[in-house]
Amino acid sequence: MSMAVFFLILFAVIAVGTPVAVVFGGMAILPGLLDGAFPYTVEAAIRSMLSGLDSFTLLAVPLFMLSGIIMARGGISQKLFNFFAYFIGNKTAGMPCAVIITCMFYGAISGSSPATVSAVGAMTIPFLTALGYDKVFSTAIVTVAGGLGVIIPPSISYIVYSSASNASPSALFLGGIIPGILIGVALMACAWIKCKKSGEDKDKLHENYQKIRDQGLWNLFKESFAALLTPVIILGSIYGGIASPTEAAAVSVLYALVISIFVYRTLKVRELGMILVEGSRTYVTILFVISAATAFGRALTMLRYPQIISEGILGSISSKSAVILVINLILLLFGMILDNIPNIMILTPIFLPVATAIGMDPVHFGIMMTANLAIGMVTPPMGINLYVASSMTKVPVLKIAQAAVPFLVAFFAALLMIAFIPQLSLMLVGM
């Protein structure tokens, strides 16, 4: 089967709305069905699906997801927001910037972009609207800043990339810290420019800021301390050599339960059953996607498509900068039509050989890819963050997407810096 026909069929079945797992599973066995001499048989594809899930590293995915759900039900985002707003709430764009910082910290708890949008947005969007900020603008801030959930470690996307590339998840977690902060700063700069230009309701801002100030720094610190400690415990146990990322994910679940049930008392033991069911439903979908994508990636390798694409790109483009730009443009396109996890599973075996051939470190490439695909989570037609935010606020998806454009420009500017300045991703890894 020619490569053009193969990918034409792939895009056609995606375009008609076929479930992603079915698409990848079907495309994995298609070459064997059409050509009996093809060495990758249906039985081999099924074995690949099963072996793709036999990974200790991937066990971290459902655990981090469960931890994020518990934290969301426990109302952790409210405590984080109040603490950050205490310091900057009276500044220009202070409250929107506090929302972005809260998304950064919540991303370090949940590792998931949609979870960050849901947990932080449910509390902060009504709050910003009450302060006089436009509802669409407020929704756009959380929608884009929620993308930090897959960049700030620990990130589910890094774990999936680690499985697809054999890169160290611990190195990816370390490497993602500075790029995540860089993107957060870029988004805050965009919010400041917007608020400086449009103006703010200073009376309402002062009134609500004073309510936060009246609680006192010490009381706010005590309230938020357990939540602020979460990323320290998770990442500290990994980098301190105490636990692997998977073991740290298990610790995060236990810690989330302890602080939500016993410290903050915002979660009841009887609610745990519903939380486990919710987590299982979410992860089962991802489970099938990862399983089918593993078989699909193996089929691509057997067909030698990654090698052909790599040779084609490297043979026609001599400049390293041009190759990086082309890869990013393709990633942006795929990010608009597919979720980040299937994209990582499919595009890693295709573009990682190209990246390594031009001298990119696999950790640098993984962080660049994750940051790039995070933009796709805020762009139609498949931007999942848009749909999560729209379902909460009833603001139409296209309105959110339009309001998000300035933030996406800032996000993209940070992405280019991440792509062309490898030290941003590798500085902490080499320490």
Protein backbone atom coordinates (compact mmCIF):
# COMPACT_ATOMS: atom_id res chain seq x y z
CA MET A 1 0.00 0.00 0.00
CA SER A 2 1.34 3.41 -0.94
CA MET A 3 1.92 5.91 1.84
CA ALA A 4 -0.37 8.48 0.22
CA VAL A 5 -3.31 6.04 0.08
CA PHE A 6 -2.66 4.90 3.65
CA PHE A 7 -2.78 8.42 5.10
CA LEU A 8 -5.71 9.39 2.85
CA ILE A 9 -7.73 6.54 4.34
CA LEU A 10 -6.57 7.52 7.84
CA PHE A 11 -7.74 11.13 7.50
CA ALA A 12 -10.98 10.09 5.82
CA VAL A 13 -12.07 7.79 8.66
CA ILE A 14 -11.10 10.45 11.22
CA ALA A 15 -13.07 13.09 9.31
CA VAL A 16 -16.30 11.06 9.42
CA GLY A 17 -16.11 10.90 13.21
CA THR A 18 -14.85 7.36 13.77
CA PRO A 19 -13.59 6.84 17.36
CA VAL A 20 -9.85 7.37 17.48
CA ALA A 21 -9.10 3.96 19.04
CA VAL A 22 -11.07 2.23 16.30
CA VAL A 23 -9.26 4.25 13.64
CA PHE A 24 -5.81 3.32 14.88
CA GLY A 25 -6.70 -0.31 15.53
CA GLY A 26 -8.24 -0.66 12.09
CA MET A 27 -5.35 1.05 10.31
CA ALA A 28 -2.88 -1.19 12.17
CA ILE A 29 -4.42 -4.36 10.72
CA LEU A 30 -5.33 -2.94 7.29
CA PRO A 31 -1.96 -3.61 5.57
CA GLY A 32 -2.04 -7.23 6.74
CA LEU A 33 -5.60 -7.68 5.49
CA LEU A 34 -4.80 -6.25 2.06
CA ASP A 35 -1.49 -8.07 1.64
CA GLY A 36 -1.19 -11.60 3.00
CA ALA A 37 2.59 -11.41 2.64
CA PHE A 38 2.85 -8.40 4.92
CA PRO A 39 4.68 -9.59 8.06
CA TYR A 40 2.54 -7.63 10.52
CA THR A 41 -0.51 -9.87 10.82
CA VAL A 42 -3.76 -9.28 12.69
CA GLU A 43 -2.52 -11.55 15.48
CA ALA A 44 0.72 -9.55 15.73
CA ALA A 45 -1.27 -6.30 15.92
CA ILE A 46 -3.37 -7.66 18.78
CA ARG A 47 -0.23 -8.73 20.62
CA SER A 48 1.16 -5.21 20.14
CA MET A 49 -2.02 -3.73 21.61
CA LEU A 50 -1.68 -5.87 24.72
CA SER A 51 2.06 -5.36 25.10
CA GLY A 52 1.64 -1.62 24.66
CA LEU A 53 -0.23 -1.53 27.96
CA ASP A 54 2.30 -3.70 29.78
CA SER A 55 4.24 -0.69 31.01
CA PHE A 56 5.09 0.32 34.55
CA THR A 57 5.52 3.92 33.40
CA LEU A 58 2.00 4.09 31.96
CA LEU A 59 0.55 3.11 35.34
CA ALA A 60 1.24 6.69 36.37
CA VAL A 61 -1.40 7.98 33.93
CA PRO A 62 -4.56 6.72 35.72
CA LEU A 63 -3.03 7.52 39.11
CA PHE A 64 -2.31 11.15 38.25
CA MET A 65 -5.76 11.44 36.68
CA LEU A 66 -7.38 10.07 39.83
CA SER A 67 -5.34 12.44 41.98
CA GLY A 68 -6.51 15.38 39.85
CA ILE A 69 -10.16 14.36 40.15
CA ILE A 70 -9.87 14.06 43.94
CA MET A 71 -8.22 17.48 44.16
CA ALA A 72 -10.95 18.99 41.96
CA ARG A 73 -13.70 17.57 44.15
CA GLY A 74 -11.81 18.79 47.20
CA GLY A 75 -11.93 22.43 46.06
CA ILE A 76 -8.17 22.87 46.04
CA SER A 77 -8.21 25.51 43.29
CA GLN A 78 -10.09 28.02 45.49
CA LYS A 79 -7.42 27.90 48.18
CA LEU A 80 -4.61 28.27 45.65
CA PHE A 81 -6.28 31.23 43.96
CA ASN A 82 -6.89 33.16 47.19
CA PHE A 83 -3.25 32.75 48.20
CA PHE A 84 -1.87 34.06 44.90
CA ALA A 85 -4.48 36.84 44.67
CA TYR A 86 -3.33 38.15 48.06
CA PHE A 87 -0.01 39.22 46.53
CA ILE A 88 -1.04 40.55 43.10
CA GLY A 89 -4.81 41.05 43.18
CA ASN A 90 -4.53 44.84 43.45
CA LYS A 91 -2.21 45.18 40.45
CA THR A 92 -3.22 45.77 36.83
CA ALA A 93 -4.53 42.41 35.53
CA GLY A 94 -3.71 41.02 38.98
CA MET A 95 -6.78 38.81 39.26
CA PRO A 96 -6.47 37.36 35.71
CA CYS A 97 -2.78 36.72 36.39
CA ALA A 98 -3.69 34.99 39.66
CA VAL A 99 -5.95 32.71 37.60
CA ILE A 100 -3.05 31.85 35.28
CA ILE A 101 -0.73 31.11 38.22
CA THR A 102 -3.45 28.94 39.77
CA CYS A 103 -3.67 26.99 36.50
CA MET A 104 0.10 26.50 36.61
CA PHE A 105 -0.01 25.11 40.15
CA TYR A 106 -3.10 23.02 39.51
CA GLY A 107 -1.40 21.61 36.42
CA ALA A 108 1.41 20.51 38.72
CA ILE A 109 -1.22 18.59 40.70
CA SER A 110 -3.42 17.04 38.01
CA GLY A 111 -1.10 16.69 34.98
CA SER A 112 -4.16 17.19 32.77
CA SER A 113 -5.26 20.17 30.70
CA PRO A 114 -9.06 19.55 30.69
CA ALA A 115 -8.97 18.82 34.44
CA THR A 116 -7.20 22.14 35.02
CA VAL A 117 -9.78 24.05 32.94
CA SER A 118 -12.64 22.37 34.77
CA ALA A 119 -11.31 22.68 38.32
CA VAL A 120 -9.94 26.22 38.07
CA GLY A 121 -12.56 27.57 35.67
CA ALA A 122 -15.56 26.47 37.74
CA MET A 123 -14.44 28.81 40.50
CA THR A 124 -12.53 31.63 38.79
CA ILE A 125 -14.70 32.39 35.75
CA PRO A 126 -17.74 33.46 37.83
CA PHE A 127 -15.38 35.37 40.14
CA LEU A 128 -13.75 37.33 37.29
CA THR A 129 -17.15 38.05 35.77
CA ALA A 130 -18.38 39.43 39.11
CA LEU A 131 -15.36 41.74 39.12
CA GLY A 132 -16.51 43.28 35.84
CA TYR A 133 -14.35 41.34 33.40
CA ASP A 134 -16.05 40.21 30.20
CA LYS A 135 -17.32 36.64 30.51
CA VAL A 136 -15.85 35.57 27.17
CA PHE A 137 -12.47 37.10 28.07
CA SER A 138 -12.52 35.37 31.47
CA THR A 139 -13.37 32.05 29.88
CA ALA A 140 -10.63 32.43 27.27
CA ILE A 141 -7.99 33.02 29.98
CA VAL A 142 -8.80 29.77 31.76
CA THR A 143 -9.17 27.87 28.48
CA VAL A 144 -5.68 28.76 27.27
CA ALA A 145 -3.98 28.71 30.68
CA GLY A 146 -5.44 25.25 31.22
CA GLY A 147 -3.04 24.08 28.52
CA LEU A 148 -0.29 24.48 31.09
CA GLY A 149 -1.68 21.33 32.70
CA VAL A 150 0.14 19.21 30.11
CA ILE A 151 3.39 21.22 30.22
CA ILE A 152 3.98 21.87 33.91
CA PRO A 153 5.22 18.60 35.46
CA PRO A 154 4.01 16.08 36.38
CA SER A 155 2.32 15.77 33.00
CA ILE A 156 0.34 12.83 31.64
CA SER A 157 1.53 13.80 28.15
CA TYR A 158 5.17 13.47 29.23
CA ILE A 159 4.47 9.99 30.55
CA VAL A 160 2.84 8.95 27.26
CA TYR A 161 5.74 10.47 25.29
CA SER A 162 8.20 8.64 27.53
CA SER A 163 6.44 5.37 26.68
CA ALA A 164 6.58 6.12 22.95
CA SER A 165 10.18 7.35 22.86
CA ASN A 166 11.95 5.63 25.78
CA ALA A 167 12.97 9.05 27.08
CA SER A 168 13.26 9.38 30.85
CA PRO A 169 10.00 10.63 32.41
CA SER A 170 11.99 12.18 35.25
CA ALA A 171 14.10 14.14 32.73
CA LEU A 172 10.94 15.29 30.95
CA PHE A 173 9.45 16.45 34.24
CA LEU A 174 12.58 18.45 35.01
CA GLY A 175 12.80 19.81 31.48
CA GLY A 176 9.20 21.00 31.48
CA ILE A 177 9.54 23.35 34.46
CA ILE A 178 11.18 26.35 32.74
CA PRO A 179 9.12 26.09 29.50
CA GLY A 180 5.93 25.90 31.58
CA ILE A 181 6.90 29.01 33.55
CA LEU A 182 7.87 30.79 30.32
CA ILE A 183 4.46 30.14 28.76
CA GLY A 184 2.72 31.23 31.95
CA VAL A 185 4.66 34.52 31.96
CA ALA A 186 3.80 35.07 28.28
CA LEU A 187 0.09 34.58 29.04
CA MET A 188 0.27 36.97 32.01
CA ALA A 189 1.95 39.61 29.82
CA CYS A 190 -0.88 39.23 27.31
CA ALA A 191 -3.49 39.60 30.07
CA TRP A 192 -1.72 42.73 31.37
CA ILE A 193 -1.72 44.33 27.92
CA LYS A 194 -5.39 43.50 27.43
CA CYS A 195 -6.42 44.90 30.82
CA LYS A 196 -4.23 47.97 30.44
CA LYS A 197 -5.87 48.70 27.11
CA SER A 198 -9.48 47.90 28.04
CA GLY A 199 -9.42 49.13 31.63
CA GLU A 200 -10.75 47.49 34.79
CA ASP A 201 -13.44 48.21 37.37
CA LYS A 202 -11.10 49.42 40.11
CA ASP A 203 -13.87 49.82 42.71
CA LYS A 204 -15.01 46.20 42.42
CA LEU A 205 -11.43 45.00 42.30
CA HIS A 206 -10.48 46.88 45.44
CA GLU A 207 -13.58 45.68 47.29
CA ASN A 208 -12.95 42.00 46.51
CA TYR A 209 -9.21 42.27 46.97
CA GLN A 210 -9.78 43.76 50.40
CA LYS A 211 -11.94 40.77 51.35
CA ILE A 212 -9.00 38.49 50.51
CA ARG A 213 -6.58 40.74 52.38
CA ASP A 214 -8.83 40.77 55.42
CA GLN A 215 -8.38 37.02 55.77
CA GLY A 216 -4.72 37.66 56.58
CA LEU A 217 -1.62 36.18 54.96
CA TRP A 218 -1.06 33.66 57.73
CA ASN A 219 -4.61 32.29 57.52
CA LEU A 220 -4.41 32.08 53.73
CA PHE A 221 -1.05 30.37 53.96
CA LYS A 222 -2.39 27.82 56.45
CA GLU A 223 -5.40 27.17 54.21
CA SER A 224 -3.35 26.72 51.06
CA PHE A 225 -0.22 25.13 52.55
CA ALA A 226 -1.31 21.52 51.98
CA ALA A 227 -2.26 22.31 48.37
CA LEU A 228 0.97 24.23 47.73
CA LEU A 229 2.92 21.29 49.12
CA THR A 230 1.45 18.83 46.60
CA PRO A 231 3.86 19.46 43.67
CA VAL A 232 6.75 19.62 46.14
CA ILE A 233 5.91 16.14 47.44
CA ILE A 234 5.34 14.68 43.96
CA LEU A 235 8.38 16.17 42.23
CA GLY A 236 10.59 16.13 45.31
CA SER A 237 10.09 12.38 45.77
CA ILE A 238 11.09 11.83 42.13
CA TYR A 239 14.14 14.07 42.00
CA GLY A 240 15.21 13.06 45.47
CA GLY A 241 15.49 9.47 44.27
CA ILE A 242 12.82 8.34 46.75
CA ALA A 243 10.24 7.25 44.17
CA SER A 244 9.80 6.65 40.47
CA PRO A 245 7.21 8.75 38.60
CA THR A 246 4.70 5.90 38.87
CA GLU A 247 5.31 5.51 42.61
CA ALA A 248 5.06 9.29 43.02
CA ALA A 249 1.70 9.17 41.23
CA ALA A 250 0.47 6.64 43.79
CA VAL A 251 1.72 8.92 46.57
CA SER A 252 -0.19 11.83 44.99
CA VAL A 253 -3.44 9.86 45.18
CA LEU A 254 -2.93 9.06 48.86
CA TYR A 255 -1.94 12.64 49.62
CA ALA A 256 -4.95 14.01 47.72
CA LEU A 257 -7.24 11.76 49.76
CA VAL A 258 -5.67 12.75 53.07
CA ILE A 259 -5.85 16.52 52.54
CA SER A 260 -9.31 16.45 50.92
CA ILE A 261 -10.92 14.19 53.55
CA PHE A 262 -9.03 14.93 56.76
CA VAL A 263 -7.36 18.34 56.32
CA TYR A 264 -9.84 20.41 54.30
CA ARG A 265 -12.81 18.08 54.91
CA THR A 266 -14.26 19.00 51.52
CA LEU A 267 -14.64 15.38 50.45
CA LYS A 268 -16.71 12.62 52.05
CA VAL A 269 -15.64 8.99 52.16
CA ARG A 270 -18.97 7.97 50.62
CA GLU A 271 -18.06 10.01 47.49
CA LEU A 272 -15.00 7.90 46.73
CA GLY A 273 -17.00 5.31 44.80
CA MET A 274 -18.27 7.92 42.35
CA ILE A 275 -14.79 9.38 42.00
CA LEU A 276 -13.30 5.98 41.17
CA VAL A 277 -16.01 5.36 38.58
CA GLU A 278 -15.40 8.79 37.04
CA GLY A 279 -11.67 8.16 36.89
CA SER A 280 -12.15 4.72 35.37
CA ARG A 281 -14.43 6.04 32.66
CA THR A 282 -11.91 8.69 31.73
CA TYR A 283 -8.91 6.39 31.72
CA VAL A 284 -10.54 3.49 29.87
CA THR A 285 -10.91 5.73 26.82
CA ILE A 286 -7.26 6.71 26.98
CA LEU A 287 -6.33 3.08 27.60
CA PHE A 288 -7.87 1.96 24.31
CA VAL A 289 -6.30 4.86 22.43
CA ILE A 290 -2.81 4.06 23.76
CA SER A 291 -3.29 0.36 23.05
CA ALA A 292 -4.45 0.89 19.46
CA ALA A 293 -1.89 3.62 18.83
CA THR A 294 0.91 1.27 19.90
CA ALA A 295 -0.15 -1.24 17.25
CA PHE A 296 -0.57 1.57 14.72
CA GLY A 297 2.93 2.86 15.42
CA ARG A 298 4.33 -0.64 14.98
CA ALA A 299 2.54 -0.95 11.64
CA LEU A 300 4.03 2.38 10.50
CA THR A 301 7.48 1.10 11.40
CA MET A 302 6.94 -2.13 9.46
CA LEU A 303 5.78 -0.09 6.46
CA ARG A 304 8.90 2.10 6.85
CA TYR A 305 6.80 5.27 6.61
CA PRO A 306 8.72 7.09 9.39
CA GLN A 307 12.00 6.44 7.57
CA ILE A 308 10.52 7.58 4.26
CA ILE A 309 9.13 10.79 5.82
CA SER A 310 12.39 11.43 7.65
CA GLU A 311 14.47 10.96 4.51
CA GLY A 312 12.07 13.15 2.53
CA ILE A 313 12.21 16.04 5.00
CA LEU A 314 15.96 15.86 5.53
CA GLY A 315 16.58 15.41 1.80
CA SER A 316 14.55 18.45 0.78
CA ILE A 317 15.33 20.82 3.67
CA SER A 318 18.93 21.46 4.62
CA SER A 319 18.43 24.09 7.31
CA LYS A 320 17.93 22.86 10.88
CA SER A 321 15.74 25.87 11.67
CA ALA A 322 13.54 25.15 8.65
CA VAL A 323 13.15 21.50 9.69
CA ILE A 324 12.06 22.57 13.19
CA LEU A 325 9.54 25.02 11.70
CA VAL A 326 8.11 22.37 9.37
CA ILE A 327 7.75 19.89 12.23
CA ASN A 328 5.99 22.51 14.35
CA LEU A 329 3.59 23.43 11.56
CA ILE A 330 2.68 19.78 11.05
CA LEU A 331 2.23 19.31 14.79
CA LEU A 332 -0.04 22.37 14.93
CA LEU A 333 -2.15 20.95 12.11
CA PHE A 334 -2.47 17.55 13.76
CA GLY A 335 -3.19 19.21 17.11
CA MET A 336 -6.25 20.85 15.58
CA ILE A 337 -7.80 17.54 14.51
CA LEU A 338 -6.65 15.05 17.16
CA ASP A 339 -6.21 15.01 20.93
CA ASN A 340 -2.68 15.27 22.29
CA ILE A 341 -2.30 11.67 23.53
CA PRO A 342 -3.04 9.93 20.19
CA ASN A 343 -0.95 12.59 18.47
CA ILE A 344 2.01 11.83 20.72
CA MET A 345 1.68 8.08 20.16
CA ILE A 346 1.46 8.47 16.37
CA LEU A 347 3.77 11.39 15.62
CA THR A 348 6.63 10.48 17.94
CA PRO A 349 7.86 7.52 15.85
CA ILE A 350 7.53 9.66 12.72
CA PHE A 351 9.26 12.86 13.79
CA LEU A 352 11.60 11.80 16.59
CA PRO A 353 14.05 10.26 14.05
CA VAL A 354 13.97 13.54 12.12
CA ALA A 355 14.59 15.54 15.29
CA THR A 356 17.49 13.37 16.45
CA ALA A 357 19.00 13.48 12.95
CA ILE A 358 19.31 17.27 13.17
CA GLY A 359 20.76 17.05 16.69
CA MET A 360 17.70 17.65 18.88
CA ASP A 361 17.72 15.95 22.25
CA PRO A 362 14.70 13.59 22.70
CA VAL A 363 13.76 15.43 25.91
CA HIS A 364 13.85 18.80 24.13
CA PHE A 365 11.77 17.40 21.27
CA GLY A 366 9.22 15.89 23.67
CA ILE A 367 8.71 19.18 25.49
CA MET A 368 8.45 21.09 22.22
CA MET A 369 5.90 18.59 20.93
CA THR A 370 3.85 18.73 24.13
CA ALA A 371 3.82 22.54 24.16
CA ASN A 372 2.83 22.57 20.49
CA LEU A 373 -0.01 20.08 20.94
CA ALA A 374 -1.25 22.06 23.96
CA ILE A 375 -2.12 24.83 21.49
CA GLY A 376 -4.24 22.32 19.60
CA MET A 377 -6.30 21.81 22.75
CA VAL A 378 -7.54 25.40 22.37
CA THR A 379 -8.12 25.46 18.61
CA PRO A 380 -11.17 24.23 16.68
CA PRO A 381 -12.38 21.80 15.61
CA MET A 382 -11.04 19.35 18.23
CA GLY A 383 -9.83 21.68 21.00
CA ILE A 384 -11.03 19.83 24.07
CA ASN A 385 -10.39 22.79 26.39
CA LEU A 386 -12.84 24.86 24.34
CA TYR A 387 -15.61 22.32 24.83
CA VAL A 388 -14.91 21.90 28.55
CA ALA A 389 -15.03 25.69 29.06
CA SER A 390 -18.09 26.09 26.85
CA SER A 391 -20.00 23.41 28.77
CA MET A 392 -19.32 25.26 32.04
CA THR A 393 -20.14 28.79 30.85
CA LYS A 394 -22.55 28.22 27.93
CA VAL A 395 -20.37 30.57 25.87
CA PRO A 396 -20.22 29.31 22.24
CA VAL A 397 -17.01 27.52 21.31
CA LEU A 398 -16.19 29.89 18.45
CA LYS A 399 -16.54 32.96 20.69
CA ILE A 400 -14.08 31.47 23.16
CA ALA A 401 -11.72 30.59 20.31
CA GLN A 402 -11.83 34.15 18.96
CA ALA A 403 -11.17 35.68 22.39
CA ALA A 404 -8.31 33.22 22.90
CA VAL A 405 -6.39 34.38 19.80
CA PRO A 406 -4.18 36.99 21.59
CA PHE A 407 -3.30 34.43 24.27
CA LEU A 408 -2.52 31.83 21.61
CA VAL A 409 -0.20 34.32 19.89
CA ALA A 410 1.67 34.72 23.21
CA PHE A 411 1.65 30.93 23.64
CA PHE A 412 3.07 30.46 20.13
CA ALA A 413 5.81 33.06 20.74
CA ALA A 414 6.86 31.09 23.83
CA LEU A 415 6.72 27.87 21.78
CA LEU A 416 9.18 29.30 19.25
CA MET A 417 11.56 30.17 22.07
CA ILE A 418 11.25 26.62 23.44
CA ALA A 419 11.84 25.18 19.96
CA PHE A 420 14.93 27.24 19.12
CA ILE A 421 16.52 27.61 22.56
CA PRO A 422 17.12 24.03 23.72
CA GLN A 423 18.70 25.23 26.97
CA LEU A 424 15.25 26.23 28.20
CA SER A 425 14.27 22.54 28.21
CA LEU A 426 17.64 21.02 29.07
CA MET A 427 19.11 23.44 31.62
CA LEU A 428 17.67 21.70 34.67
CA VAL A 429 18.10 18.22 33.17
CA GLY A 430 21.86 18.68 32.94
CA MET A 431 22.24 19.93 36.52
